[in-house]
């Protein structure tokens, strides 16, 4: 019986193939892969900066696809799951205050209209994602959304698939960085004291225990730490880590 229990534990925490995040880093791109090392823990498998080739300028879709192809050849999986971030104006984000009595199955249509207006496109030509944040005192549900043109998503899917990668989603960099910051073991204060290869993330992070009186001060401090992290050379890698966590779900 003890041997069977030991085997179950080993199987439950054995590493799986990496899940990836891809984030702009100026003219380059940060690619970071996470793999599971425990029931609720992931750590960095690979962290690289993909540099654009020197010489005449070429579209990202061309050289980045080649770089991903080369990186993918060093990994055991045949197809690699990745989430990516893109810059404005390709991607827009916002929030919608929706009456709490509106059925949840009606939310997507409302968000689709918001995204279409923001991009000045017909609703049928936009892709989007959203999640509820809080319920206000006035009985309103705050829906946070992000979206971009379907043509852009098709373009990203095309060149990533051509390189042997499966695009899981496209997400704003700030959303990804906040997810990574919340899940980072040791918190943002330890970020610059560790090499990216040593970063570890909780797959099911818990909310920090802070008194109501100290909540605003805590949130302000975390916001400052996040801005400092994003302004550092580690910023794009932190975003890529948050994207990888998103792709995991």
Protein backbone atom coordinates (compact mmCIF):
# COMPACT_ATOMS: atom_id res chain seq x y z
CA UNK A 1 0.00 0.00 0.00
CA UNK A 2 2.84 2.42 0.84
CA UNK A 3 4.46 1.69 -2.51
CA UNK A 4 1.20 2.45 -4.33
CA UNK A 5 0.77 5.72 -2.46
CA UNK A 6 4.36 6.72 -3.27
CA UNK A 7 3.71 5.96 -6.95
CA UNK A 8 0.52 8.04 -6.97
CA UNK A 9 2.39 10.99 -5.46
CA UNK A 10 5.19 10.72 -7.99
CA UNK A 11 2.72 10.59 -10.88
CA UNK A 12 0.76 13.55 -9.52
CA UNK A 13 3.77 15.89 -9.50
CA UNK A 14 5.82 14.64 -12.40
CA UNK A 15 6.85 17.42 -14.79
CA UNK A 16 4.75 17.92 -17.90
CA UNK A 17 5.71 19.54 -21.16
CA UNK A 18 6.34 23.29 -20.84
CA UNK A 19 3.58 25.84 -21.42
CA UNK A 20 4.80 29.07 -22.99
CA UNK A 21 4.32 32.83 -22.99
CA UNK A 22 5.54 35.22 -25.70
CA UNK A 23 5.80 38.95 -25.02
CA UNK A 24 7.22 41.95 -26.93
CA UNK A 25 10.54 43.24 -25.59
CA UNK A 26 11.19 46.31 -27.71
CA UNK A 27 12.32 45.07 -31.14
CA UNK A 28 12.82 41.60 -29.65
CA UNK A 29 10.45 39.10 -28.01
CA UNK A 30 10.67 37.34 -24.63
CA UNK A 31 9.81 33.63 -24.70
CA UNK A 32 9.38 31.85 -21.37
CA UNK A 33 8.22 28.31 -20.64
CA UNK A 34 6.87 26.96 -17.34
CA UNK A 35 6.57 23.36 -16.22
CA UNK A 36 4.90 21.79 -13.22
CA UNK A 37 7.10 20.69 -10.32
CA UNK A 38 4.37 20.09 -7.73
CA UNK A 39 0.63 19.88 -7.33
CA UNK A 40 0.43 23.68 -7.09
CA UNK A 41 3.84 24.83 -8.27
CA UNK A 42 5.45 25.66 -11.60
CA UNK A 43 8.93 26.86 -12.35
CA UNK A 44 10.78 28.27 -15.34
CA UNK A 45 11.86 25.68 -17.86
CA UNK A 46 13.30 28.04 -20.50
CA UNK A 47 13.72 31.80 -20.68
CA UNK A 48 15.15 33.40 -23.81
CA UNK A 49 15.09 36.70 -25.66
CA UNK A 50 14.44 36.19 -29.36
CA UNK A 51 16.37 38.87 -31.25
CA UNK A 52 15.35 40.22 -34.64
CA UNK A 53 17.95 39.57 -37.36
CA UNK A 54 20.36 42.32 -38.25
CA UNK A 55 20.22 43.94 -41.66
CA UNK A 56 17.14 45.04 -43.60
CA UNK A 57 13.96 45.12 -41.53
CA UNK A 58 11.66 42.11 -41.93
CA UNK A 59 8.17 41.58 -40.46
CA UNK A 60 8.00 39.94 -37.02
CA UNK A 61 5.77 37.23 -38.47
CA UNK A 62 8.64 36.08 -40.70
CA UNK A 63 11.66 36.03 -38.41
CA UNK A 64 9.71 35.21 -35.24
CA UNK A 65 8.15 32.17 -36.87
CA UNK A 66 11.63 30.97 -37.81
CA UNK A 67 12.92 31.59 -34.27
CA UNK A 68 10.02 29.65 -32.76
CA UNK A 69 10.63 26.80 -35.18
CA UNK A 70 14.25 26.56 -34.05
CA UNK A 71 13.32 26.77 -30.36
CA UNK A 72 10.62 24.14 -30.81
CA UNK A 73 13.10 21.67 -32.26
CA UNK A 74 14.92 21.58 -28.92
CA UNK A 75 11.73 20.58 -27.05
CA UNK A 76 10.24 17.06 -26.85
CA UNK A 77 6.62 17.98 -27.65
CA UNK A 78 5.47 18.02 -31.26
CA UNK A 79 3.28 21.10 -30.79
CA UNK A 80 3.82 23.76 -28.14
CA UNK A 81 1.03 25.70 -26.45
CA UNK A 82 1.70 29.45 -26.17
CA UNK A 83 -0.12 32.63 -25.16
CA UNK A 84 1.10 35.96 -26.46
CA UNK A 85 0.75 39.66 -25.83
CA UNK A 86 0.64 42.38 -28.47
CA UNK A 87 0.91 46.13 -28.33
CA UNK A 88 -1.82 48.73 -28.67
CA UNK A 89 -3.52 49.52 -31.08
CA UNK A 90 -3.71 45.86 -32.15
CA UNK A 91 -5.35 45.00 -28.84
CA UNK A 92 -7.82 47.03 -26.78
CA UNK A 93 -9.15 46.58 -23.27
CA UNK A 94 -11.80 48.07 -21.04
CA UNK A 95 -14.54 47.35 -18.55
CA UNK A 96 -18.31 47.17 -18.63
CA UNK A 97 -20.64 47.69 -15.69
CA UNK A 98 -23.42 45.18 -16.26
CA UNK A 99 -26.59 44.90 -14.13
CA UNK A 100 -26.28 41.87 -11.86
CA UNK A 101 -29.66 40.55 -12.98
CA UNK A 102 -28.50 40.21 -16.61
CA UNK A 103 -28.00 36.48 -17.34
CA UNK A 104 -24.38 35.42 -17.69
CA UNK A 105 -25.05 33.90 -21.09
CA UNK A 106 -25.89 37.41 -22.31
CA UNK A 107 -22.52 38.84 -21.27
CA UNK A 108 -20.57 37.77 -24.38
CA UNK A 109 -22.89 39.67 -26.73
CA UNK A 110 -22.54 42.82 -24.63
CA UNK A 111 -18.75 42.52 -24.56
CA UNK A 112 -18.61 41.83 -28.29
CA UNK A 113 -20.38 45.13 -28.97
CA UNK A 114 -17.99 47.00 -26.66
CA UNK A 115 -14.94 45.55 -28.42
CA UNK A 116 -16.40 46.25 -31.87
CA UNK A 117 -16.99 49.89 -30.97
CA UNK A 118 -13.48 50.26 -29.56
CA UNK A 119 -11.92 48.83 -32.73
CA UNK A 120 -14.43 50.43 -35.12
CA UNK A 121 -15.20 47.04 -36.65
CA UNK A 122 -18.36 45.00 -37.19
CA UNK A 123 -19.07 42.71 -34.19
CA UNK A 124 -18.55 39.61 -36.33
CA UNK A 125 -14.95 40.68 -37.03
CA UNK A 126 -13.64 40.86 -33.45
CA UNK A 127 -12.21 38.32 -31.01
CA UNK A 128 -12.43 38.93 -27.28
CA UNK A 129 -12.06 37.54 -23.79
CA UNK A 130 -13.45 38.77 -20.46
CA UNK A 131 -13.95 37.91 -16.82
CA UNK A 132 -16.09 39.31 -13.99
CA UNK A 133 -14.18 41.28 -11.38
CA UNK A 134 -16.42 42.60 -8.63
CA UNK A 135 -20.07 43.20 -7.81
CA UNK A 136 -20.70 46.81 -6.89
CA UNK A 137 -22.96 48.09 -4.15
CA UNK A 138 -25.46 49.18 -6.80
CA UNK A 139 -25.92 45.60 -8.02
CA UNK A 140 -23.54 45.94 -10.96
CA UNK A 141 -21.09 43.30 -12.15
CA UNK A 142 -17.79 44.74 -13.38
CA UNK A 143 -16.70 42.87 -16.50
CA UNK A 144 -13.08 43.33 -17.58
CA UNK A 145 -12.52 42.67 -21.28
CA UNK A 146 -9.85 42.65 -23.96
CA UNK A 147 -10.17 42.18 -27.68
CA UNK A 148 -8.62 42.53 -31.11
CA UNK A 149 -9.54 42.04 -34.74
CA UNK A 150 -10.21 38.45 -35.80
CA UNK A 151 -7.90 39.04 -38.74
CA UNK A 152 -5.03 39.71 -36.34
CA UNK A 153 -5.73 36.53 -34.36
CA UNK A 154 -5.85 34.56 -37.61
CA UNK A 155 -2.52 36.08 -38.61
CA UNK A 156 -0.92 35.13 -35.27
CA UNK A 157 -2.42 31.65 -35.43
CA UNK A 158 -1.13 31.20 -38.95
CA UNK A 159 2.54 31.94 -38.39
CA UNK A 160 2.64 30.28 -34.96
CA UNK A 161 1.03 27.11 -36.33
CA UNK A 162 3.48 27.16 -39.21
CA UNK A 163 6.28 27.06 -36.63
CA UNK A 164 4.69 24.11 -34.80
CA UNK A 165 3.11 26.15 -32.01
CA UNK A 166 -0.53 26.34 -30.89
CA UNK A 167 -1.72 29.85 -30.00
CA UNK A 168 -3.88 29.57 -26.87
CA UNK A 169 -4.86 33.23 -26.52
CA UNK A 170 -3.84 36.87 -26.94
CA UNK A 171 -3.87 39.03 -23.81
CA UNK A 172 -2.87 42.54 -22.66
CA UNK A 173 0.60 42.72 -21.13
CA UNK A 174 -0.66 44.37 -17.93
CA UNK A 175 -3.16 41.58 -17.24
CA UNK A 176 -0.43 38.98 -17.73
CA UNK A 177 2.04 40.84 -15.50
CA UNK A 178 -0.51 41.14 -12.70
CA UNK A 179 -1.21 37.40 -12.87
CA UNK A 180 2.50 36.60 -12.70
CA UNK A 181 3.09 39.04 -9.85
CA UNK A 182 0.24 37.54 -7.84
CA UNK A 183 1.51 33.98 -8.36
CA UNK A 184 5.26 34.61 -7.95
CA UNK A 185 6.71 32.76 -4.97
CA UNK A 186 8.43 35.35 -2.77
CA UNK A 187 6.44 38.21 -4.25
CA UNK A 188 7.55 41.11 -6.41
CA UNK A 189 10.01 42.30 -3.78
CA UNK A 190 12.12 39.23 -4.56
CA UNK A 191 11.85 39.49 -8.35
CA UNK A 192 15.10 41.30 -9.08
CA UNK A 193 16.97 39.22 -6.50
CA UNK A 194 16.40 36.05 -8.52
CA UNK A 195 17.48 34.96 -11.97
CA UNK A 196 14.43 34.23 -14.17
CA UNK A 197 15.51 30.60 -14.28
CA UNK A 198 14.83 30.42 -10.53
CA UNK A 199 11.35 31.91 -10.60
CA UNK A 200 8.55 29.74 -9.24
CA UNK A 201 4.81 30.36 -9.47
CA UNK A 202 1.76 29.11 -7.62
CA UNK A 203 -0.79 27.64 -9.99
CA UNK A 204 -3.54 28.40 -7.49
CA UNK A 205 -2.32 31.51 -5.65
CA UNK A 206 -4.17 32.68 -2.58
CA UNK A 207 -5.16 36.25 -1.79
CA UNK A 208 -2.76 37.95 0.62
CA UNK A 209 -4.15 38.29 4.12
CA UNK A 210 -4.36 42.06 4.63
CA UNK A 211 -6.62 43.95 6.99
CA UNK A 212 -9.24 46.21 5.45
CA UNK A 213 -7.48 49.24 6.92
CA UNK A 214 -4.19 48.31 5.23
CA UNK A 215 -5.66 47.10 1.93
CA UNK A 216 -5.28 50.37 -0.01
CA UNK A 217 -1.69 50.82 1.19
CA UNK A 218 -0.85 47.23 0.23
CA UNK A 219 -2.37 47.63 -3.24
CA UNK A 220 -0.50 50.90 -3.81
CA UNK A 221 2.80 49.28 -2.78
CA UNK A 222 2.21 46.30 -5.06
CA UNK A 223 1.35 48.62 -7.97
CA UNK A 224 4.62 50.51 -7.50
CA UNK A 225 6.63 47.28 -7.32
CA UNK A 226 4.92 46.03 -10.48
CA UNK A 227 5.70 49.23 -12.40
CA UNK A 228 9.34 49.01 -11.29
CA UNK A 229 9.48 45.38 -12.38
CA UNK A 230 7.97 46.15 -15.79
CA UNK A 231 10.45 49.00 -16.32
CA UNK A 232 13.37 46.68 -15.59
CA UNK A 233 15.00 44.25 -18.06
CA UNK A 234 12.98 41.50 -16.36
CA UNK A 235 9.67 43.12 -17.33
CA UNK A 236 9.04 41.28 -20.64
CA UNK A 237 9.96 37.96 -19.02
CA UNK A 238 7.51 38.61 -16.18
CA UNK A 239 4.78 39.31 -18.74
CA UNK A 240 5.72 36.13 -20.62
CA UNK A 241 5.44 34.17 -17.36
CA UNK A 242 1.95 35.53 -16.78
CA UNK A 243 1.00 34.58 -20.33
CA UNK A 244 2.28 31.05 -19.76
CA UNK A 245 0.12 30.83 -16.63
CA UNK A 246 -2.86 31.96 -18.72
CA UNK A 247 -2.12 29.31 -21.38
CA UNK A 248 -2.07 26.70 -18.62
CA UNK A 249 -5.77 27.26 -18.06
